[in-house]
Amino acid sequence: MTARIRSLLASGPLMVALNSGRTVRLSPGCWSADLRDAEVADNAHLDKLRRRGDIEVEQSDEEPEGPADQGEIPGGSKPQRSRKRPGAAG
């Protein structure tokens, strides 16, 4: 199962902490990428934002596709770049 989170705020970004320790940054009115249901289940921070009316959570029966299958959140971390110069030995 998957879930998506939408910011209901009119201005300013919103940071949402997930159960894995990662965070999702949401611009006003924007939806997150598909997240595993385990990321949002029994999440006190998420429940607080929902009670305040800051977010909306949409549940789906579909399985996530792509990078989310390996536990990665699209747009999360960037791949490490090598510090070696092209053609340098060693």
Protein backbone atom coordinates (compact mmCIF):
# COMPACT_ATOMS: atom_id res chain seq x y z
CA MET A 1 0.00 0.00 0.00
CA THR A 2 1.10 3.55 -0.59
CA ALA A 3 0.24 6.97 0.75
CA ARG A 4 0.66 10.54 -0.47
CA ILE A 5 0.74 13.70 1.63
CA ARG A 6 -0.49 17.12 0.51
CA SER A 7 0.25 20.44 2.17
CA LEU A 8 -2.90 22.46 2.85
CA LEU A 9 -0.97 25.57 3.90
CA ALA A 10 -1.42 28.75 1.88
CA SER A 11 2.18 29.95 2.21
CA GLY A 12 5.61 28.61 3.10
CA PRO A 13 7.08 25.13 2.86
CA LEU A 14 6.19 22.34 5.27
CA MET A 15 8.61 19.67 6.49
CA VAL A 16 7.02 16.32 7.34
CA ALA A 17 9.01 13.75 9.33
CA LEU A 18 8.51 10.12 8.27
CA ASN A 19 8.88 6.98 10.40
CA SER A 20 12.19 6.09 8.72
CA GLY A 21 13.73 9.36 9.93
CA ARG A 22 13.61 11.00 6.50
CA THR A 23 11.67 14.17 5.85
CA VAL A 24 9.52 15.33 2.96
CA ARG A 25 9.45 19.02 2.04
CA LEU A 26 6.10 20.13 0.67
CA SER A 27 5.37 23.43 -1.03
CA PRO A 28 1.89 24.91 -0.46
CA GLY A 29 -0.78 22.80 -2.17
CA CYS A 30 1.70 20.20 -3.47
CA TRP A 31 1.57 16.39 -3.13
CA SER A 32 4.47 14.20 -2.07
CA ALA A 33 5.69 11.26 -4.14
CA ASP A 34 4.17 7.86 -3.35
CA LEU A 35 5.38 6.66 0.05
CA ARG A 36 5.16 3.25 1.67
CA ASP A 37 2.29 2.97 4.13
CA ALA A 38 4.80 2.12 6.89
CA GLU A 39 6.26 5.64 6.57
CA VAL A 40 3.01 7.28 7.69
CA ALA A 41 1.40 4.62 9.94
CA ASP A 42 1.32 5.51 13.67
CA ASN A 43 3.33 8.70 13.06
CA ALA A 44 2.66 11.21 15.87
CA HIS A 45 4.11 14.16 13.91
CA LEU A 46 1.92 13.37 10.92
CA ASP A 47 -1.17 12.95 13.13
CA LYS A 48 -0.55 16.34 14.75
CA LEU A 49 -0.27 18.07 11.36
CA ARG A 50 -3.45 16.31 10.19
CA ARG A 51 -5.41 17.41 13.31
CA ARG A 52 -4.25 21.01 12.81
CA GLY A 53 -5.47 20.91 9.20
CA ASP A 54 -2.01 21.47 7.74
CA ILE A 55 -1.91 18.29 5.64
CA GLU A 56 -4.10 15.74 3.88
CA VAL A 57 -3.09 12.07 3.62
CA GLU A 58 -4.36 9.94 0.73
CA GLN A 59 -4.10 6.13 0.98
CA SER A 60 -3.89 3.86 -2.08
CA ASP A 61 -3.82 0.09 -2.62
CA GLU A 62 -1.13 0.37 -5.31
CA GLU A 63 2.47 -0.67 -4.70
CA PRO A 64 5.08 2.07 -5.14
CA GLU A 65 7.16 2.01 -8.32
CA GLY A 66 10.76 2.89 -9.06
CA PRO A 67 13.18 4.14 -6.38
CA ALA A 68 10.59 3.98 -3.60
CA ASP A 69 10.77 0.16 -3.87
CA GLN A 70 14.31 0.26 -2.49
CA GLY A 71 13.30 2.56 0.36
CA GLU A 72 14.44 5.73 -1.41
CA ILE A 73 12.31 8.82 -1.69
CA PRO A 74 12.50 10.56 -5.09
CA GLY A 75 14.24 13.89 -4.73
CA GLY A 76 15.78 12.78 -1.43
CA SER A 77 19.55 12.50 -1.53
CA LYS A 78 21.80 13.15 -4.50
CA PRO A 79 24.39 10.58 -5.58
CA GLN A 80 27.93 11.17 -4.34
CA ARG A 81 30.28 12.74 -6.88
CA SER A 82 33.84 11.58 -7.17
CA ARG A 83 36.47 14.12 -6.13
CA LYS A 84 39.09 12.61 -8.43
CA ARG A 85 40.10 14.54 -11.49
CA PRO A 86 39.51 12.83 -14.84
CA GLY A 87 42.69 11.08 -15.92
CA ALA A 88 44.36 11.35 -12.51
CA ALA A 89 46.17 8.25 -11.31
CA GLY A 90 45.29 6.57 -8.07
